[in-house]
Amino acid sequence: MIRLTEQARGRWSAVFRIAAGTLGAYGLTSLVTVALSLLLARIGMTRVEAVTAATLASFVVFAVIAMATFHARNAIRAWGWLLALSVPLTLAVLLSSPGTHP
């Protein structure tokens, strides 16, 4: 088994945290944007307005998610929160998509 030095562990932790704060936050923000635009369209907004509003909100959502991932105690916890939040959002998007209803 390979033993990492304290410095190497810190660097790898930073790499995984940066990946969570950028790639993970982008993925979760995309899911939030799609879910929000579907929800807004369903409650009566036109599709164009719903997508525009959700896209504008996504800038704030991305910033909050990125800050939360860097605020997490470790990279594993940050990735865990990203995955835990993405599963119900994915199900909501799949169930509320227009092409999935019989």
PDB file of N, CA and C in Angstrom:
ATOM      1  N   MET A   1       0.840  -1.177   0.000  1.00  0.00           N
ATOM      2  CA  MET A   1       0.000   0.000   0.000  1.00  0.00           C
ATOM      3  C   MET A   1       0.886   1.241   0.000  1.00  0.00           C
ATOM      4  N   ILE A   2       0.497   2.192  -0.802  1.00  0.00           N
ATOM      5  CA  ILE A   2       1.274   3.418  -0.921  1.00  0.00           C
ATOM      6  C   ILE A   2       0.872   4.371   0.211  1.00  0.00           C
ATOM      7  N   ARG A   3       1.851   4.878   0.901  1.00  0.00           N
ATOM      8  CA  ARG A   3       1.617   5.852   1.972  1.00  0.00           C
ATOM      9  C   ARG A   3       1.959   7.240   1.437  1.00  0.00           C
ATOM     10  N   LEU A   4       1.005   8.136   1.544  1.00  0.00           N
ATOM     11  CA  LEU A   4       1.220   9.501   1.090  1.00  0.00           C
ATOM     12  C   LEU A   4       1.709  10.366   2.241  1.00  0.00           C
ATOM     13  N   THR A   5       2.559  11.283   1.916  1.00  0.00           N
ATOM     14  CA  THR A   5       3.002  12.232   2.930  1.00  0.00           C
ATOM     15  C   THR A   5       1.878  13.219   3.215  1.00  0.00           C
ATOM     16  N   GLU A   6       2.019  13.944   4.276  1.00  0.00           N
ATOM     17  CA  GLU A   6       1.008  14.936   4.653  1.00  0.00           C
ATOM     18  C   GLU A   6       0.855  16.000   3.551  1.00  0.00           C
ATOM     19  N   GLN A   7       1.968  16.377   2.960  1.00  0.00           N
ATOM     20  CA  GLN A   7       1.934  17.368   1.888  1.00  0.00           C
ATOM     21  C   GLN A   7       1.215  16.813   0.659  1.00  0.00           C
ATOM     22  N   ALA A   8       1.467  15.554   0.314  1.00  0.00           N
ATOM     23  CA  ALA A   8       0.807  14.945  -0.843  1.00  0.00           C
ATOM     24  C   ALA A   8      -0.687  14.794  -0.590  1.00  0.00           C
ATOM     25  N   ARG A   9      -1.069  14.415   0.628  1.00  0.00           N
ATOM     26  CA  ARG A   9      -2.494  14.305   0.950  1.00  0.00           C
ATOM     27  C   ARG A   9      -3.190  15.654   0.831  1.00  0.00           C
ATOM     28  N   GLY A  10      -2.524  16.698   1.293  1.00  0.00           N
ATOM     29  CA  GLY A  10      -3.095  18.037   1.180  1.00  0.00           C
ATOM     30  C   GLY A  10      -3.275  18.466  -0.259  1.00  0.00           C
ATOM     31  N   ARG A  11      -2.319  18.129  -1.097  1.00  0.00           N
ATOM     32  CA  ARG A  11      -2.429  18.489  -2.517  1.00  0.00           C
ATOM     33  C   ARG A  11      -3.549  17.718  -3.197  1.00  0.00           C
ATOM     34  N   TRP A  12      -3.642  16.405  -2.921  1.00  0.00           N
ATOM     35  CA  TRP A  12      -4.712  15.618  -3.526  1.00  0.00           C
ATOM     36  C   TRP A  12      -6.081  16.072  -3.025  1.00  0.00           C
ATOM     37  N   SER A  13      -6.153  16.440  -1.756  1.00  0.00           N
ATOM     38  CA  SER A  13      -7.410  16.957  -1.223  1.00  0.00           C
ATOM     39  C   SER A  13      -7.809  18.242  -1.945  1.00  0.00           C
ATOM     40  N   ALA A  14      -6.840  19.098  -2.196  1.00  0.00           N
ATOM     41  CA  ALA A  14      -7.125  20.339  -2.925  1.00  0.00           C
ATOM     42  C   ALA A  14      -7.580  20.049  -4.349  1.00  0.00           C
ATOM     43  N   VAL A  15      -6.960  19.077  -4.997  1.00  0.00           N
ATOM     44  CA  VAL A  15      -7.357  18.719  -6.364  1.00  0.00           C
ATOM     45  C   VAL A  15      -8.794  18.212  -6.394  1.00  0.00           C
ATOM     46  N   PHE A  16      -9.140  17.313  -5.465  1.00  0.00           N
ATOM     47  CA  PHE A  16     -10.495  16.767  -5.436  1.00  0.00           C
ATOM     48  C   PHE A  16     -11.517  17.831  -5.037  1.00  0.00           C
ATOM     49  N   ARG A  17     -11.131  18.741  -4.171  1.00  0.00           N
ATOM     50  CA  ARG A  17     -12.041  19.820  -3.768  1.00  0.00           C
ATOM     51  C   ARG A  17     -12.251  20.805  -4.925  1.00  0.00           C
ATOM     52  N   ILE A  18     -11.202  21.094  -5.673  1.00  0.00           N
ATOM     53  CA  ILE A  18     -11.335  21.973  -6.843  1.00  0.00           C
ATOM     54  C   ILE A  18     -12.217  21.311  -7.896  1.00  0.00           C
ATOM     55  N   ALA A  19     -12.048  20.008  -8.097  1.00  0.00           N
ATOM     56  CA  ALA A  19     -12.906  19.292  -9.050  1.00  0.00           C
ATOM     57  C   ALA A  19     -14.360  19.327  -8.597  1.00  0.00           C
ATOM     58  N   ALA A  20     -14.599  19.169  -7.296  1.00  0.00           N
ATOM     59  CA  ALA A  20     -15.969  19.236  -6.782  1.00  0.00           C
ATOM     60  C   ALA A  20     -16.534  20.643  -6.933  1.00  0.00           C
ATOM     61  N   GLY A  21     -15.709  21.641  -6.659  1.00  0.00           N
ATOM     62  CA  GLY A  21     -16.175  23.021  -6.732  1.00  0.00           C
ATOM     63  C   GLY A  21     -16.399  23.526  -8.140  1.00  0.00           C
ATOM     64  N   THR A  22     -15.786  22.887  -9.126  1.00  0.00           N
ATOM     65  CA  THR A  22     -15.979  23.324 -10.507  1.00  0.00           C
ATOM     66  C   THR A  22     -16.862  22.344 -11.276  1.00  0.00           C
ATOM     67  N   LEU A  23     -16.376  21.137 -11.477  1.00  0.00           N
ATOM     68  CA  LEU A  23     -17.123  20.164 -12.278  1.00  0.00           C
ATOM     69  C   LEU A  23     -18.400  19.701 -11.581  1.00  0.00           C
ATOM     70  N   GLY A  24     -18.290  19.390 -10.298  1.00  0.00           N
ATOM     71  CA  GLY A  24     -19.472  18.955  -9.554  1.00  0.00           C
ATOM     72  C   GLY A  24     -20.510  20.060  -9.437  1.00  0.00           C
ATOM     73  N   ALA A  25     -20.051  21.268  -9.163  1.00  0.00           N
ATOM     74  CA  ALA A  25     -20.979  22.396  -9.061  1.00  0.00           C
ATOM     75  C   ALA A  25     -21.637  22.679 -10.406  1.00  0.00           C
ATOM     76  N   TYR A  26     -20.894  22.527 -11.492  1.00  0.00           N
ATOM     77  CA  TYR A  26     -21.469  22.737 -12.821  1.00  0.00           C
ATOM     78  C   TYR A  26     -22.552  21.698 -13.108  1.00  0.00           C
ATOM     79  N   GLY A  27     -22.268  20.443 -12.792  1.00  0.00           N
ATOM     80  CA  GLY A  27     -23.255  19.389 -13.033  1.00  0.00           C
ATOM     81  C   GLY A  27     -24.523  19.580 -12.218  1.00  0.00           C
ATOM     82  N   LEU A  28     -24.366  19.874 -10.934  1.00  0.00           N
ATOM     83  CA  LEU A  28     -25.532  20.080 -10.085  1.00  0.00           C
ATOM     84  C   LEU A  28     -26.297  21.339 -10.490  1.00  0.00           C
ATOM     85  N   THR A  29     -25.594  22.375 -10.865  1.00  0.00           N
ATOM     86  CA  THR A  29     -26.256  23.600 -11.324  1.00  0.00           C
ATOM     87  C   THR A  29     -27.053  23.334 -12.598  1.00  0.00           C
ATOM     88  N   SER A  30     -26.526  22.512 -13.474  1.00  0.00           N
ATOM     89  CA  SER A  30     -27.269  22.166 -14.692  1.00  0.00           C
ATOM     90  C   SER A  30     -28.570  21.446 -14.355  1.00  0.00           C
ATOM     91  N   LEU A  31     -28.499  20.523 -13.406  1.00  0.00           N
ATOM     92  CA  LEU A  31     -29.712  19.820 -12.986  1.00  0.00           C
ATOM     93  C   LEU A  31     -30.720  20.769 -12.345  1.00  0.00           C
ATOM     94  N   VAL A  32     -30.241  21.667 -11.507  1.00  0.00           N
ATOM     95  CA  VAL A  32     -31.132  22.643 -10.871  1.00  0.00           C
ATOM     96  C   VAL A  32     -31.782  23.529 -11.923  1.00  0.00           C
ATOM     97  N   THR A  33     -31.021  23.941 -12.917  1.00  0.00           N
ATOM     98  CA  THR A  33     -31.553  24.810 -13.968  1.00  0.00           C
ATOM     99  C   THR A  33     -32.640  24.104 -14.768  1.00  0.00           C
ATOM    100  N   VAL A  34     -32.401  22.867 -15.127  1.00  0.00           N
ATOM    101  CA  VAL A  34     -33.405  22.114 -15.887  1.00  0.00           C
ATOM    102  C   VAL A  34     -34.657  21.897 -15.038  1.00  0.00           C
ATOM    103  N   ALA A  35     -34.467  21.485 -13.786  1.00  0.00           N
ATOM    104  CA  ALA A  35     -35.617  21.241 -12.911  1.00  0.00           C
ATOM    105  C   ALA A  35     -36.413  22.523 -12.673  1.00  0.00           C
ATOM    106  N   LEU A  36     -35.723  23.616 -12.444  1.00  0.00           N
ATOM    107  CA  LEU A  36     -36.411  24.885 -12.207  1.00  0.00           C
ATOM    108  C   LEU A  36     -37.152  25.359 -13.447  1.00  0.00           C
ATOM    109  N   SER A  37     -36.558  25.212 -14.615  1.00  0.00           N
ATOM    110  CA  SER A  37     -37.251  25.654 -15.830  1.00  0.00           C
ATOM    111  C   SER A  37     -38.477  24.785 -16.115  1.00  0.00           C
ATOM    112  N   LEU A  38     -38.393  23.488 -15.844  1.00  0.00           N
ATOM    113  CA  LEU A  38     -39.571  22.626 -16.005  1.00  0.00           C
ATOM    114  C   LEU A  38     -40.659  22.991 -15.004  1.00  0.00           C
ATOM    115  N   LEU A  39     -40.258  23.285 -13.772  1.00  0.00           N
ATOM    116  CA  LEU A  39     -41.228  23.664 -12.745  1.00  0.00           C
ATOM    117  C   LEU A  39     -41.906  24.986 -13.092  1.00  0.00           C
ATOM    118  N   LEU A  40     -41.125  25.968 -13.501  1.00  0.00           N
ATOM    119  CA  LEU A  40     -41.698  27.267 -13.851  1.00  0.00           C
ATOM    120  C   LEU A  40     -42.629  27.164 -15.063  1.00  0.00           C
ATOM    121  N   ALA A  41     -42.269  26.348 -16.031  1.00  0.00           N
ATOM    122  CA  ALA A  41     -43.138  26.155 -17.203  1.00  0.00           C
ATOM    123  C   ALA A  41     -44.422  25.440 -16.801  1.00  0.00           C
ATOM    124  N   ARG A  42     -44.325  24.531 -15.833  1.00  0.00           N
ATOM    125  CA  ARG A  42     -45.492  23.777 -15.405  1.00  0.00           C
ATOM    126  C   ARG A  42     -46.473  24.656 -14.618  1.00  0.00           C
ATOM    127  N   ILE A  43     -45.964  25.654 -13.891  1.00  0.00           N
ATOM    128  CA  ILE A  43     -46.875  26.485 -13.098  1.00  0.00           C
ATOM    129  C   ILE A  43     -47.428  27.678 -13.881  1.00  0.00           C
ATOM    130  N   GLY A  44     -47.122  27.755 -15.166  1.00  0.00           N
ATOM    131  CA  GLY A  44     -47.799  28.740 -15.991  1.00  0.00           C
ATOM    132  C   GLY A  44     -46.922  29.728 -16.734  1.00  0.00           C
ATOM    133  N   MET A  45     -45.640  29.741 -16.500  1.00  0.00           N
ATOM    134  CA  MET A  45     -44.764  30.648 -17.241  1.00  0.00           C
ATOM    135  C   MET A  45     -44.576  30.117 -18.656  1.00  0.00           C
ATOM    136  N   THR A  46     -44.361  31.016 -19.604  1.00  0.00           N
ATOM    137  CA  THR A  46     -44.056  30.529 -20.944  1.00  0.00           C
ATOM    138  C   THR A  46     -42.682  29.849 -20.914  1.00  0.00           C
ATOM    139  N   ARG A  47     -42.456  28.986 -21.878  1.00  0.00           N
ATOM    140  CA  ARG A  47     -41.196  28.227 -21.875  1.00  0.00           C
ATOM    141  C   ARG A  47     -39.975  29.125 -21.962  1.00  0.00           C
ATOM    142  N   VAL A  48     -40.044  30.146 -22.785  1.00  0.00           N
ATOM    143  CA  VAL A  48     -38.908  31.051 -22.954  1.00  0.00           C
ATOM    144  C   VAL A  48     -38.619  31.793 -21.658  1.00  0.00           C
ATOM    145  N   GLU A  49     -39.655  32.307 -21.013  1.00  0.00           N
ATOM    146  CA  GLU A  49     -39.466  33.010 -19.749  1.00  0.00           C
ATOM    147  C   GLU A  49     -38.953  32.074 -18.663  1.00  0.00           C
ATOM    148  N   ALA A  50     -39.447  30.835 -18.646  1.00  0.00           N
ATOM    149  CA  ALA A  50     -39.022  29.861 -17.639  1.00  0.00           C
ATOM    150  C   ALA A  50     -37.540  29.533 -17.791  1.00  0.00           C
ATOM    151  N   VAL A  51     -37.099  29.309 -19.008  1.00  0.00           N
ATOM    152  CA  VAL A  51     -35.695  28.994 -19.246  1.00  0.00           C
ATOM    153  C   VAL A  51     -34.811  30.194 -18.926  1.00  0.00           C
ATOM    154  N   THR A  52     -35.267  31.388 -19.297  1.00  0.00           N
ATOM    155  CA  THR A  52     -34.487  32.590 -19.010  1.00  0.00           C
ATOM    156  C   THR A  52     -34.363  32.821 -17.508  1.00  0.00           C
ATOM    157  N   ALA A  53     -35.460  32.688 -16.779  1.00  0.00           N
ATOM    158  CA  ALA A  53     -35.435  32.888 -15.329  1.00  0.00           C
ATOM    159  C   ALA A  53     -34.557  31.845 -14.648  1.00  0.00           C
ATOM    160  N   ALA A  54     -34.672  30.587 -15.071  1.00  0.00           N
ATOM    161  CA  ALA A  54     -33.862  29.532 -14.478  1.00  0.00           C
ATOM    162  C   ALA A  54     -32.378  29.729 -14.786  1.00  0.00           C
ATOM    163  N   THR A  55     -32.085  30.191 -15.988  1.00  0.00           N
ATOM    164  CA  THR A  55     -30.691  30.436 -16.350  1.00  0.00           C
ATOM    165  C   THR A  55     -30.103  31.591 -15.552  1.00  0.00           C
ATOM    166  N   LEU A  56     -30.859  32.636 -15.353  1.00  0.00           N
ATOM    167  CA  LEU A  56     -30.382  33.750 -14.537  1.00  0.00           C
ATOM    168  C   LEU A  56     -30.164  33.312 -13.091  1.00  0.00           C
ATOM    169  N   ALA A  57     -31.062  32.496 -12.572  1.00  0.00           N
ATOM    170  CA  ALA A  57     -30.912  31.989 -11.198  1.00  0.00           C
ATOM    171  C   ALA A  57     -29.728  31.049 -11.074  1.00  0.00           C
ATOM    172  N   SER A  58     -29.350  30.410 -12.171  1.00  0.00           N
ATOM    173  CA  SER A  58     -28.261  29.426 -12.114  1.00  0.00           C
ATOM    174  C   SER A  58     -26.923  30.055 -11.744  1.00  0.00           C
ATOM    175  N   PHE A  59     -26.736  31.339 -12.029  1.00  0.00           N
ATOM    176  CA  PHE A  59     -25.483  31.992 -11.662  1.00  0.00           C
ATOM    177  C   PHE A  59     -25.337  32.060 -10.146  1.00  0.00           C
ATOM    178  N   VAL A  60     -26.415  32.356  -9.461  1.00  0.00           N
ATOM    179  CA  VAL A  60     -26.397  32.385  -7.998  1.00  0.00           C
ATOM    180  C   VAL A  60     -26.254  30.970  -7.450  1.00  0.00           C
ATOM    181  N   VAL A  61     -26.976  30.022  -8.051  1.00  0.00           N
ATOM    182  CA  VAL A  61     -26.925  28.634  -7.595  1.00  0.00           C
ATOM    183  C   VAL A  61     -25.504  28.089  -7.713  1.00  0.00           C
ATOM    184  N   PHE A  62     -24.838  28.354  -8.833  1.00  0.00           N
ATOM    185  CA  PHE A  62     -23.473  27.867  -9.019  1.00  0.00           C
ATOM    186  C   PHE A  62     -22.539  28.443  -7.960  1.00  0.00           C
ATOM    187  N   ALA A  63     -22.670  29.726  -7.689  1.00  0.00           N
ATOM    188  CA  ALA A  63     -21.799  30.349  -6.692  1.00  0.00           C
ATOM    189  C   ALA A  63     -22.015  29.750  -5.315  1.00  0.00           C
ATOM    190  N   VAL A  64     -23.265  29.516  -4.946  1.00  0.00           N
ATOM    191  CA  VAL A  64     -23.559  28.932  -3.634  1.00  0.00           C
ATOM    192  C   VAL A  64     -23.027  27.507  -3.538  1.00  0.00           C
ATOM    193  N   ILE A  65     -23.220  26.715  -4.577  1.00  0.00           N
ATOM    194  CA  ILE A  65     -22.736  25.331  -4.557  1.00  0.00           C
ATOM    195  C   ILE A  65     -21.213  25.296  -4.504  1.00  0.00           C
ATOM    196  N   ALA A  66     -20.561  26.134  -5.286  1.00  0.00           N
ATOM    197  CA  ALA A  66     -19.097  26.160  -5.279  1.00  0.00           C
ATOM    198  C   ALA A  66     -18.566  26.567  -3.914  1.00  0.00           C
ATOM    199  N   MET A  67     -19.181  27.565  -3.297  1.00  0.00           N
ATOM    200  CA  MET A  67     -18.734  27.967  -1.962  1.00  0.00           C
ATOM    201  C   MET A  67     -18.985  26.876  -0.939  1.00  0.00           C
ATOM    202  N   ALA A  68     -20.096  26.173  -1.068  1.00  0.00           N
ATOM    203  CA  ALA A  68     -20.402  25.098  -0.117  1.00  0.00           C
ATOM    204  C   ALA A  68     -19.413  23.943  -0.249  1.00  0.00           C
ATOM    205  N   THR A  69     -18.976  23.647  -1.457  1.00  0.00           N
ATOM    206  CA  THR A  69     -18.012  22.558  -1.613  1.00  0.00           C
ATOM    207  C   THR A  69     -16.669  22.916  -1.001  1.00  0.00           C
ATOM    208  N   PHE A  70     -16.277  24.164  -1.080  1.00  0.00           N
ATOM    209  CA  PHE A  70     -15.018  24.558  -0.455  1.00  0.00           C
ATOM    210  C   PHE A  70     -15.155  24.738   1.052  1.00  0.00           C
ATOM    211  N   HIS A  71     -16.385  24.881   1.522  1.00  0.00           N
ATOM    212  CA  HIS A  71     -16.621  25.011   2.953  1.00  0.00           C
ATOM    213  C   HIS A  71     -16.703  23.642   3.641  1.00  0.00           C
ATOM    214  N   ALA A  72     -16.921  22.588   2.875  1.00  0.00           N
ATOM    215  CA  ALA A  72     -17.035  21.240   3.444  1.00  0.00           C
ATOM    216  C   ALA A  72     -15.741  20.839   4.141  1.00  0.00           C
ATOM    217  N   ARG A  73     -15.853  19.959   5.115  1.00  0.00           N
ATOM    218  CA  ARG A  73     -14.674  19.539   5.890  1.00  0.00           C
ATOM    219  C   ARG A  73     -13.624  18.851   5.036  1.00  0.00           C
ATOM    220  N   ASN A  74     -14.093  18.023   4.103  1.00  0.00           N
ATOM    221  CA  ASN A  74     -13.145  17.338   3.225  1.00  0.00           C
ATOM    222  C   ASN A  74     -13.792  17.122   1.860  1.00  0.00           C
ATOM    223  N   ALA A  75     -12.998  16.669   0.925  1.00  0.00           N
ATOM    224  CA  ALA A  75     -13.473  16.503  -0.448  1.00  0.00           C
ATOM    225  C   ALA A  75     -14.503  15.383  -0.558  1.00  0.00           C
ATOM    226  N   ILE A  76     -14.362  14.354   0.241  1.00  0.00           N
ATOM    227  CA  ILE A  76     -15.323  13.245   0.196  1.00  0.00           C
ATOM    228  C   ILE A  76     -16.706  13.722   0.611  1.00  0.00           C
ATOM    229  N   ARG A  77     -16.755  14.542   1.648  1.00  0.00           N
ATOM    230  CA  ARG A  77     -18.038  15.080   2.100  1.00  0.00           C
ATOM    231  C   ARG A  77     -18.639  16.001   1.038  1.00  0.00           C
ATOM    232  N   ALA A  78     -17.817  16.782   0.378  1.00  0.00           N
ATOM    233  CA  ALA A  78     -18.317  17.671  -0.674  1.00  0.00           C
ATOM    234  C   ALA A  78     -18.915  16.861  -1.824  1.00  0.00           C
ATOM    235  N   TRP A  79     -18.196  15.823  -2.275  1.00  0.00           N
ATOM    236  CA  TRP A  79     -18.717  14.972  -3.347  1.00  0.00           C
ATOM    237  C   TRP A  79     -19.970  14.233  -2.898  1.00  0.00           C
ATOM    238  N   GLY A  80     -20.008  13.830  -1.636  1.00  0.00           N
ATOM    239  CA  GLY A  80     -21.198  13.147  -1.116  1.00  0.00           C
ATOM    240  C   GLY A  80     -22.431  14.034  -1.160  1.00  0.00           C
ATOM    241  N   TRP A  81     -22.276  15.293  -0.760  1.00  0.00           N
ATOM    242  CA  TRP A  81     -23.394  16.221  -0.821  1.00  0.00           C
ATOM    243  C   TRP A  81     -23.820  16.482  -2.259  1.00  0.00           C
ATOM    244  N   LEU A  82     -22.866  16.601  -3.152  1.00  0.00           N
ATOM    245  CA  LEU A  82     -23.204  16.829  -4.562  1.00  0.00           C
ATOM    246  C   LEU A  82     -24.006  15.653  -5.123  1.00  0.00           C
ATOM    247  N   LEU A  83     -23.558  14.447  -4.821  1.00  0.00           N
ATOM    248  CA  LEU A  83     -24.279  13.267  -5.311  1.00  0.00           C
ATOM    249  C   LEU A  83     -25.632  13.114  -4.648  1.00  0.00           C
ATOM    250  N   ALA A  84     -25.704  13.383  -3.338  1.00  0.00           N
ATOM    251  CA  ALA A  84     -26.971  13.259  -2.619  1.00  0.00           C
ATOM    252  C   ALA A  84     -28.011  14.243  -3.131  1.00  0.00           C
ATOM    253  N   LEU A  85     -27.592  15.410  -3.537  1.00  0.00           N
ATOM    254  CA  LEU A  85     -28.531  16.389  -4.070  1.00  0.00           C
ATOM    255  C   LEU A  85     -28.879  16.134  -5.531  1.00  0.00           C
ATOM    256  N   SER A  86     -27.976  15.509  -6.256  1.00  0.00           N
ATOM    257  CA  SER A  86     -28.237  15.298  -7.677  1.00  0.00           C
ATOM    258  C   SER A  86     -29.200  14.140  -7.947  1.00  0.00           C
ATOM    259  N   VAL A  87     -29.254  13.152  -7.070  1.00  0.00           N
ATOM    260  CA  VAL A  87     -30.139  11.998  -7.305  1.00  0.00           C
ATOM    261  C   VAL A  87     -31.609  12.412  -7.311  1.00  0.00           C
ATOM    262  N   PRO A  88     -32.127  13.100  -6.282  1.00  0.00           N
ATOM    263  CA  PRO A  88     -33.542  13.480  -6.356  1.00  0.00           C
ATOM    264  C   PRO A  88     -33.842  14.482  -7.475  1.00  0.00           C
ATOM    265  N   LEU A  89     -32.884  15.349  -7.767  1.00  0.00           N
ATOM    266  CA  LEU A  89     -33.099  16.283  -8.872  1.00  0.00           C
ATOM    267  C   LEU A  89     -33.190  15.550 -10.211  1.00  0.00           C
ATOM    268  N   THR A  90     -32.338  14.550 -10.388  1.00  0.00           N
ATOM    269  CA  THR A  90     -32.389  13.762 -11.619  1.00  0.00           C
ATOM    270  C   THR A  90     -33.726  13.048 -11.748  1.00  0.00           C
ATOM    271  N   LEU A  91     -34.202  12.457 -10.655  1.00  0.00           N
ATOM    272  CA  LEU A  91     -35.509  11.792 -10.687  1.00  0.00           C
ATOM    273  C   LEU A  91     -36.630  12.780 -10.978  1.00  0.00           C
ATOM    274  N   ALA A  92     -36.557  13.962 -10.381  1.00  0.00           N
ATOM    275  CA  ALA A  92     -37.584  14.971 -10.629  1.00  0.00           C
ATOM    276  C   ALA A  92     -37.592  15.401 -12.090  1.00  0.00           C
ATOM    277  N   VAL A  93     -36.412  15.577 -12.665  1.00  0.00           N
ATOM    278  CA  VAL A  93     -36.331  15.977 -14.072  1.00  0.00           C
ATOM    279  C   VAL A  93     -36.860  14.868 -14.969  1.00  0.00           C
ATOM    280  N   LEU A  94     -36.481  13.636 -14.681  1.00  0.00           N
ATOM    281  CA  LEU A  94     -36.953  12.522 -15.510  1.00  0.00           C
ATOM    282  C   LEU A  94     -38.460  12.345 -15.421  1.00  0.00           C
ATOM    283  N   LEU A  95     -39.016  12.528 -14.234  1.00  0.00           N
ATOM    284  CA  LEU A  95     -40.459  12.338 -14.072  1.00  0.00           C
ATOM    285  C   LEU A  95     -41.280  13.505 -14.594  1.00  0.00           C
ATOM    286  N   SER A  96     -40.708  14.687 -14.641  1.00  0.00           N
ATOM    287  CA  SER A  96     -41.472  15.845 -15.100  1.00  0.00           C
ATOM    288  C   SER A  96     -41.179  16.259 -16.531  1.00  0.00           C
ATOM    289  N   SER A  97     -40.314  15.512 -17.205  1.00  0.00           N
ATOM    290  CA  SER A  97     -40.028  15.837 -18.611  1.00  0.00           C
ATOM    291  C   SER A  97     -41.263  15.554 -19.456  1.00  0.00           C
ATOM    292  N   PRO A  98     -41.528  16.386 -20.444  1.00  0.00           N
ATOM    293  CA  PRO A  98     -42.729  16.222 -21.264  1.00  0.00           C
ATOM    294  C   PRO A  98     -42.795  14.892 -22.003  1.00  0.00           C
ATOM    295  N   GLY A  99     -41.670  14.317 -22.404  1.00  0.00           N
ATOM    296  CA  GLY A  99     -41.702  13.095 -23.182  1.00  0.00           C
ATOM    297  C   GLY A  99     -41.873  11.825 -22.377  1.00  0.00           C
ATOM    298  N   THR A 100     -41.933  11.905 -21.052  1.00  0.00           N
ATOM    299  CA  THR A 100     -41.988  10.697 -20.240  1.00  0.00           C
ATOM    300  C   THR A 100     -43.398  10.316 -19.825  1.00  0.00           C
ATOM    301  N   HIS A 101     -44.387  11.153 -20.089  1.00  0.00           N
ATOM    302  CA  HIS A 101     -45.750  10.845 -19.681  1.00  0.00           C
ATOM    303  C   HIS A 101     -46.460  10.060 -20.780  1.00  0.00           C
ATOM    304  N   PRO A 102     -47.273   9.061 -20.392  1.00  0.00           N
ATOM    305  CA  PRO A 102     -47.986   8.263 -21.413  1.00  0.00           C
ATOM    306  C   PRO A 102     -49.090   9.011 -22.103  1.00  0.00           C
TER     307      PRO A 102
END
